[in-house]
Amino acid sequence: MAMDKDQSIITQVAAKIASDLTIHNANFADFLMHLTAVKEALFEEIYGTTTPEEKIVKQTFPTATEQDFTVRVKGEQHGPLPTWLIEACKRDGITEVYDNRDGLSVNPKRPWFKAVNDKEKAYWQPKGA
């Protein structure tokens, strides 16, 4: 399906933002994850929906959904969301989290993820996961 001129420009802007978000020497999957997230946010804000291509990516890489349950990351996302987090968020009714994994090298005791709307909810990787 061909994009119109506006969609092409939005996609180019999303690619630039995704490139800026991707750490140098990262793999293509990191860039693709950022590109998909940025494009989705832009298209949803502008058109109220995602493009057909993004729907295909979501179906191919369902890392952030489990049985129609979605967890969104507020701010910067530092890699794919683990299944254990999605299961815990579904159990707790949490739909939006902060991704704190970038600071674990400095403070390994901090939670990996923290709920946005429920300041008491925090998530660490389960032992053995």
N, C-alpha and C. Protein backbone atom coordinates (compact mmCIF):
# COMPACT_ATOMS: atom_id res chain seq x y z
N MET A 1 0.85 -1.17 0.00
CA MET A 1 0.00 0.00 0.00
C MET A 1 0.89 1.24 0.00
N ALA A 2 0.68 2.11 -0.95
CA ALA A 2 1.50 3.31 -1.09
C ALA A 2 1.07 4.38 -0.09
N MET A 3 2.06 5.11 0.40
CA MET A 3 1.78 6.21 1.33
C MET A 3 1.55 7.49 0.55
N ASP A 4 0.69 8.34 1.09
CA ASP A 4 0.56 9.66 0.49
C ASP A 4 1.72 10.53 0.97
N LYS A 5 1.81 11.74 0.45
CA LYS A 5 2.94 12.62 0.77
C LYS A 5 3.03 12.92 2.25
N ASP A 6 1.90 13.19 2.92
CA ASP A 6 1.92 13.49 4.35
C ASP A 6 2.42 12.31 5.16
N GLN A 7 1.95 11.10 4.83
CA GLN A 7 2.39 9.91 5.55
C GLN A 7 3.88 9.67 5.35
N SER A 8 4.37 9.96 4.15
CA SER A 8 5.79 9.81 3.87
C SER A 8 6.63 10.76 4.71
N ILE A 9 6.17 11.99 4.83
CA ILE A 9 6.90 12.98 5.64
C ILE A 9 6.88 12.58 7.11
N ILE A 10 5.73 12.13 7.60
CA ILE A 10 5.62 11.69 8.99
C ILE A 10 6.55 10.52 9.25
N THR A 11 6.63 9.59 8.30
CA THR A 11 7.50 8.43 8.45
C THR A 11 8.96 8.85 8.47
N GLN A 12 9.33 9.82 7.64
CA GLN A 12 10.71 10.32 7.64
C GLN A 12 11.05 10.99 8.96
N VAL A 13 10.14 11.77 9.50
CA VAL A 13 10.35 12.42 10.80
C VAL A 13 10.48 11.34 11.89
N ALA A 14 9.63 10.34 11.84
CA ALA A 14 9.69 9.25 12.82
C ALA A 14 11.02 8.52 12.73
N ALA A 15 11.53 8.31 11.51
CA ALA A 15 12.82 7.63 11.34
C ALA A 15 13.95 8.46 11.94
N LYS A 16 13.90 9.77 11.77
CA LYS A 16 14.94 10.63 12.35
C LYS A 16 14.89 10.59 13.88
N ILE A 17 13.69 10.67 14.43
CA ILE A 17 13.55 10.60 15.89
C ILE A 17 14.03 9.25 16.40
N ALA A 18 13.63 8.16 15.71
CA ALA A 18 14.05 6.82 16.12
C ALA A 18 15.56 6.68 16.05
N SER A 19 16.16 7.27 15.03
CA SER A 19 17.62 7.23 14.91
C SER A 19 18.28 7.95 16.08
N ASP A 20 17.72 9.08 16.48
CA ASP A 20 18.26 9.82 17.62
C ASP A 20 18.09 9.05 18.93
N LEU A 21 17.03 8.27 19.04
CA LEU A 21 16.77 7.52 20.26
C LEU A 21 17.61 6.24 20.36
N THR A 22 18.05 5.74 19.22
CA THR A 22 18.78 4.48 19.20
C THR A 22 20.24 4.72 19.56
N ILE A 23 20.72 3.97 20.51
CA ILE A 23 22.11 4.07 20.96
C ILE A 23 23.03 3.66 19.82
N HIS A 24 24.14 4.39 19.67
CA HIS A 24 25.10 4.04 18.63
C HIS A 24 25.59 2.62 18.84
N ASN A 25 25.84 1.92 17.77
CA ASN A 25 26.27 0.52 17.76
C ASN A 25 25.18 -0.43 18.22
N ALA A 26 23.93 0.04 18.29
CA ALA A 26 22.83 -0.85 18.65
C ALA A 26 22.44 -1.67 17.43
N ASN A 27 21.68 -2.71 17.64
CA ASN A 27 21.27 -3.52 16.51
C ASN A 27 20.02 -2.95 15.84
N PHE A 28 19.69 -3.50 14.69
CA PHE A 28 18.56 -3.00 13.90
C PHE A 28 17.25 -3.16 14.66
N ALA A 29 17.13 -4.18 15.48
CA ALA A 29 15.89 -4.39 16.23
C ALA A 29 15.60 -3.22 17.16
N ASP A 30 16.63 -2.63 17.75
CA ASP A 30 16.43 -1.46 18.62
C ASP A 30 15.89 -0.29 17.82
N PHE A 31 16.48 -0.06 16.64
CA PHE A 31 15.99 1.03 15.79
C PHE A 31 14.56 0.77 15.36
N LEU A 32 14.26 -0.46 14.95
CA LEU A 32 12.91 -0.81 14.50
C LEU A 32 11.90 -0.62 15.63
N MET A 33 12.28 -0.98 16.86
CA MET A 33 11.39 -0.80 18.00
C MET A 33 11.10 0.69 18.21
N HIS A 34 12.13 1.52 18.15
CA HIS A 34 11.94 2.96 18.32
C HIS A 34 11.12 3.54 17.17
N LEU A 35 11.42 3.13 15.93
CA LEU A 35 10.70 3.63 14.77
C LEU A 35 9.22 3.28 14.87
N THR A 36 8.92 2.07 15.23
CA THR A 36 7.53 1.64 15.35
C THR A 36 6.79 2.44 16.42
N ALA A 37 7.43 2.62 17.56
CA ALA A 37 6.79 3.36 18.66
C ALA A 37 6.54 4.82 18.27
N VAL A 38 7.54 5.45 17.64
CA VAL A 38 7.39 6.87 17.27
C VAL A 38 6.35 7.02 16.17
N LYS A 39 6.41 6.16 15.14
CA LYS A 39 5.43 6.24 14.06
C LYS A 39 4.02 6.03 14.60
N GLU A 40 3.87 5.05 15.46
CA GLU A 40 2.55 4.77 16.04
C GLU A 40 2.03 5.98 16.79
N ALA A 41 2.87 6.58 17.60
CA ALA A 41 2.44 7.75 18.37
C ALA A 41 2.06 8.91 17.45
N LEU A 42 2.87 9.15 16.43
CA LEU A 42 2.58 10.24 15.51
C LEU A 42 1.29 10.00 14.73
N PHE A 43 1.15 8.80 14.17
CA PHE A 43 -0.04 8.50 13.38
C PHE A 43 -1.30 8.51 14.24
N GLU A 44 -1.19 7.98 15.46
CA GLU A 44 -2.36 8.00 16.34
C GLU A 44 -2.75 9.42 16.71
N GLU A 45 -1.76 10.28 16.94
CA GLU A 45 -2.04 11.67 17.30
C GLU A 45 -2.64 12.43 16.12
N ILE A 46 -2.12 12.19 14.94
CA ILE A 46 -2.58 12.94 13.76
C ILE A 46 -3.85 12.35 13.16
N TYR A 47 -3.87 11.03 12.97
CA TYR A 47 -4.98 10.38 12.26
C TYR A 47 -5.92 9.61 13.18
N GLY A 48 -5.52 9.41 14.43
CA GLY A 48 -6.36 8.64 15.35
C GLY A 48 -6.26 7.15 15.13
N THR A 49 -5.30 6.69 14.33
CA THR A 49 -5.14 5.26 14.06
C THR A 49 -3.71 4.99 13.64
N THR A 50 -3.35 3.73 13.54
CA THR A 50 -2.03 3.35 13.06
C THR A 50 -2.11 2.97 11.59
N THR A 51 -0.97 2.95 10.93
CA THR A 51 -0.92 2.58 9.52
C THR A 51 -1.02 1.06 9.39
N PRO A 52 -1.35 0.57 8.22
CA PRO A 52 -1.38 -0.88 8.01
C PRO A 52 -0.04 -1.54 8.29
N GLU A 53 1.06 -0.85 7.95
CA GLU A 53 2.38 -1.42 8.20
C GLU A 53 2.62 -1.63 9.69
N GLU A 54 2.21 -0.67 10.51
CA GLU A 54 2.40 -0.79 11.95
C GLU A 54 1.56 -1.91 12.53
N LYS A 55 0.38 -2.12 11.99
CA LYS A 55 -0.44 -3.23 12.46
C LYS A 55 0.25 -4.56 12.18
N ILE A 56 0.93 -4.67 11.03
CA ILE A 56 1.66 -5.88 10.69
C ILE A 56 2.83 -6.08 11.66
N VAL A 57 3.57 -4.99 11.96
CA VAL A 57 4.68 -5.08 12.90
C VAL A 57 4.18 -5.50 14.28
N LYS A 58 3.06 -4.94 14.71
CA LYS A 58 2.49 -5.31 16.02
C LYS A 58 2.12 -6.78 16.06
N GLN A 59 1.60 -7.30 14.95
CA GLN A 59 1.22 -8.71 14.90
C GLN A 59 2.45 -9.60 14.85
N THR A 60 3.53 -9.12 14.20
CA THR A 60 4.75 -9.90 14.06
C THR A 60 5.57 -9.90 15.34
N PHE A 61 5.62 -8.75 16.04
CA PHE A 61 6.41 -8.61 17.26
C PHE A 61 5.50 -8.24 18.43
N PRO A 62 4.72 -9.18 18.94
CA PRO A 62 3.77 -8.85 20.01
C PRO A 62 4.42 -8.84 21.39
N THR A 63 5.53 -8.11 21.55
CA THR A 63 6.22 -8.13 22.83
C THR A 63 5.52 -7.30 23.89
N ALA A 64 4.72 -6.35 23.49
CA ALA A 64 4.09 -5.47 24.47
C ALA A 64 2.62 -5.77 24.68
N THR A 65 2.12 -6.85 24.12
CA THR A 65 0.72 -7.19 24.31
C THR A 65 0.58 -8.65 24.66
N GLU A 66 -0.40 -8.94 25.42
CA GLU A 66 -0.72 -10.32 25.74
C GLU A 66 -2.23 -10.43 25.79
N GLN A 67 -2.79 -11.14 24.82
CA GLN A 67 -4.24 -11.33 24.74
C GLN A 67 -4.97 -10.00 24.83
N ASP A 68 -4.66 -9.09 23.93
CA ASP A 68 -5.31 -7.79 23.82
C ASP A 68 -5.07 -6.88 25.01
N PHE A 69 -4.07 -7.15 25.82
CA PHE A 69 -3.70 -6.26 26.92
C PHE A 69 -2.42 -5.55 26.53
N THR A 70 -2.41 -4.24 26.59
CA THR A 70 -1.26 -3.46 26.17
C THR A 70 -0.66 -2.69 27.33
N VAL A 71 0.66 -2.71 27.40
CA VAL A 71 1.40 -1.91 28.37
C VAL A 71 2.18 -0.88 27.57
N ARG A 72 1.97 0.38 27.87
CA ARG A 72 2.69 1.46 27.20
C ARG A 72 3.81 1.94 28.12
N VAL A 73 4.88 2.41 27.50
CA VAL A 73 6.00 2.97 28.24
C VAL A 73 5.97 4.48 28.08
N LYS A 74 5.94 5.17 29.21
CA LYS A 74 6.00 6.63 29.19
C LYS A 74 7.47 7.02 29.21
N GLY A 75 7.84 7.92 28.34
CA GLY A 75 9.24 8.30 28.24
C GLY A 75 9.98 7.33 27.34
N GLU A 76 11.25 7.12 27.61
CA GLU A 76 12.09 6.28 26.76
C GLU A 76 11.98 4.81 27.15
N GLN A 77 11.86 3.96 26.14
CA GLN A 77 11.81 2.52 26.36
C GLN A 77 13.19 1.95 26.06
N HIS A 78 13.68 1.07 26.93
CA HIS A 78 15.03 0.53 26.82
C HIS A 78 15.01 -0.95 26.47
N GLY A 79 14.44 -1.27 25.34
CA GLY A 79 14.36 -2.66 24.87
C GLY A 79 12.94 -3.18 24.93
N PRO A 80 12.74 -4.39 24.40
CA PRO A 80 11.41 -4.98 24.39
C PRO A 80 10.90 -5.22 25.82
N LEU A 81 9.60 -5.15 25.98
CA LEU A 81 9.03 -5.39 27.31
C LEU A 81 8.96 -6.88 27.57
N PRO A 82 9.43 -7.31 28.74
CA PRO A 82 9.42 -8.74 29.04
C PRO A 82 8.01 -9.25 29.34
N THR A 83 7.80 -10.51 29.05
CA THR A 83 6.50 -11.14 29.27
C THR A 83 6.09 -11.07 30.73
N TRP A 84 7.04 -11.26 31.65
CA TRP A 84 6.69 -11.24 33.07
C TRP A 84 6.12 -9.88 33.49
N LEU A 85 6.61 -8.79 32.87
CA LEU A 85 6.08 -7.46 33.18
C LEU A 85 4.64 -7.34 32.69
N ILE A 86 4.40 -7.77 31.47
CA ILE A 86 3.06 -7.67 30.90
C ILE A 86 2.07 -8.47 31.74
N GLU A 87 2.47 -9.66 32.15
CA GLU A 87 1.60 -10.48 33.00
C GLU A 87 1.31 -9.79 34.33
N ALA A 88 2.35 -9.21 34.95
CA ALA A 88 2.17 -8.52 36.23
C ALA A 88 1.29 -7.29 36.08
N CYS A 89 1.50 -6.53 35.02
CA CYS A 89 0.68 -5.33 34.79
C CYS A 89 -0.77 -5.71 34.53
N LYS A 90 -0.97 -6.77 33.79
CA LYS A 90 -2.33 -7.24 33.53
C LYS A 90 -3.01 -7.63 34.84
N ARG A 91 -2.28 -8.34 35.67
CA ARG A 91 -2.80 -8.75 36.98
C ARG A 91 -3.17 -7.55 37.84
N ASP A 92 -2.32 -6.50 37.79
CA ASP A 92 -2.51 -5.33 38.64
C ASP A 92 -3.36 -4.23 37.98
N GLY A 93 -3.71 -4.41 36.73
CA GLY A 93 -4.49 -3.39 36.03
C GLY A 93 -3.68 -2.15 35.67
N ILE A 94 -2.37 -2.30 35.49
CA ILE A 94 -1.49 -1.19 35.13
C ILE A 94 -1.31 -1.19 33.62
N THR A 95 -1.52 -0.03 32.98
CA THR A 95 -1.40 0.05 31.53
C THR A 95 -0.24 0.93 31.06
N GLU A 96 0.39 1.67 31.98
CA GLU A 96 1.49 2.55 31.59
C GLU A 96 2.57 2.53 32.66
N VAL A 97 3.82 2.35 32.22
CA VAL A 97 4.95 2.26 33.15
C VAL A 97 6.10 3.13 32.66
N TYR A 98 7.00 3.44 33.59
CA TYR A 98 8.29 4.04 33.26
C TYR A 98 9.29 2.90 33.16
N ASP A 99 10.19 2.95 32.19
CA ASP A 99 11.22 1.93 32.01
C ASP A 99 12.51 2.45 32.65
N ASN A 100 12.90 1.84 33.78
CA ASN A 100 14.08 2.27 34.53
C ASN A 100 15.32 1.42 34.26
N ARG A 101 15.28 0.54 33.28
CA ARG A 101 16.37 -0.39 33.07
C ARG A 101 17.68 0.29 32.72
N ASP A 102 17.63 1.52 32.22
CA ASP A 102 18.87 2.22 31.86
C ASP A 102 19.71 2.57 33.07
N GLY A 103 19.11 2.67 34.25
CA GLY A 103 19.85 3.05 35.45
C GLY A 103 20.23 1.90 36.36
N LEU A 104 20.01 0.67 35.92
CA LEU A 104 20.30 -0.48 36.78
C LEU A 104 21.79 -0.68 37.02
N SER A 105 22.63 -0.23 36.10
CA SER A 105 24.07 -0.39 36.31
C SER A 105 24.55 0.51 37.45
N VAL A 106 23.90 1.65 37.62
CA VAL A 106 24.26 2.58 38.69
C VAL A 106 23.64 2.13 40.01
N ASN A 107 22.39 1.71 39.97
CA ASN A 107 21.67 1.29 41.17
C ASN A 107 20.87 0.03 40.86
N PRO A 108 21.47 -1.16 41.04
CA PRO A 108 20.79 -2.40 40.68
C PRO A 108 19.59 -2.75 41.55
N LYS A 109 19.38 -2.03 42.63
CA LYS A 109 18.25 -2.32 43.51
C LYS A 109 16.99 -1.56 43.11
N ARG A 110 17.12 -0.60 42.23
CA ARG A 110 15.94 0.17 41.82
C ARG A 110 15.01 -0.71 40.99
N PRO A 111 13.73 -0.41 40.98
CA PRO A 111 12.80 -1.23 40.19
C PRO A 111 13.08 -1.09 38.70
N TRP A 112 12.87 -2.19 37.99
CA TRP A 112 13.06 -2.17 36.54
C TRP A 112 12.00 -1.31 35.87
N PHE A 113 10.78 -1.39 36.41
CA PHE A 113 9.65 -0.63 35.86
C PHE A 113 8.85 -0.05 37.01
N LYS A 114 8.25 1.11 36.80
CA LYS A 114 7.43 1.75 37.82
C LYS A 114 6.14 2.22 37.15
N ALA A 115 5.02 1.96 37.80
CA ALA A 115 3.72 2.37 37.26
C ALA A 115 3.63 3.89 37.22
N VAL A 116 3.00 4.41 36.17
CA VAL A 116 2.87 5.86 36.01
C VAL A 116 1.80 6.41 36.94
N ASN A 117 0.63 5.79 36.95
CA ASN A 117 -0.50 6.33 37.71
C ASN A 117 -0.64 5.78 39.11
N ASP A 118 0.10 4.74 39.44
CA ASP A 118 0.04 4.16 40.79
C ASP A 118 1.47 4.14 41.32
N LYS A 119 1.85 5.17 42.04
CA LYS A 119 3.23 5.35 42.50
C LYS A 119 3.71 4.22 43.43
N GLU A 120 2.79 3.43 43.94
CA GLU A 120 3.16 2.34 44.84
C GLU A 120 3.58 1.08 44.07
N LYS A 121 3.19 0.97 42.81
CA LYS A 121 3.48 -0.23 42.03
C LYS A 121 4.83 -0.12 41.36
N ALA A 122 5.70 -1.09 41.63
CA ALA A 122 7.01 -1.16 41.02
C ALA A 122 7.28 -2.62 40.68
N TYR A 123 8.07 -2.84 39.65
CA TYR A 123 8.29 -4.20 39.16
C TYR A 123 9.78 -4.47 38.98
N TRP A 124 10.25 -5.58 39.56
CA TRP A 124 11.60 -6.07 39.39
C TRP A 124 11.54 -7.38 38.63
N GLN A 125 12.63 -7.74 37.97
CA GLN A 125 12.65 -9.03 37.26
C GLN A 125 12.54 -10.15 38.28
N PRO A 126 11.63 -11.09 38.06
CA PRO A 126 11.50 -12.21 38.99
C PRO A 126 12.77 -13.05 39.00
N LYS A 127 13.05 -13.65 40.15
CA LYS A 127 14.22 -14.52 40.25
C LYS A 127 14.01 -15.72 39.34
N GLY A 128 15.06 -16.06 38.62
CA GLY A 128 15.00 -17.18 37.70
C GLY A 128 14.46 -16.82 36.33
N ALA A 129 14.10 -15.56 36.12
CA ALA A 129 13.55 -15.17 34.80
C ALA A 129 14.65 -14.74 33.87
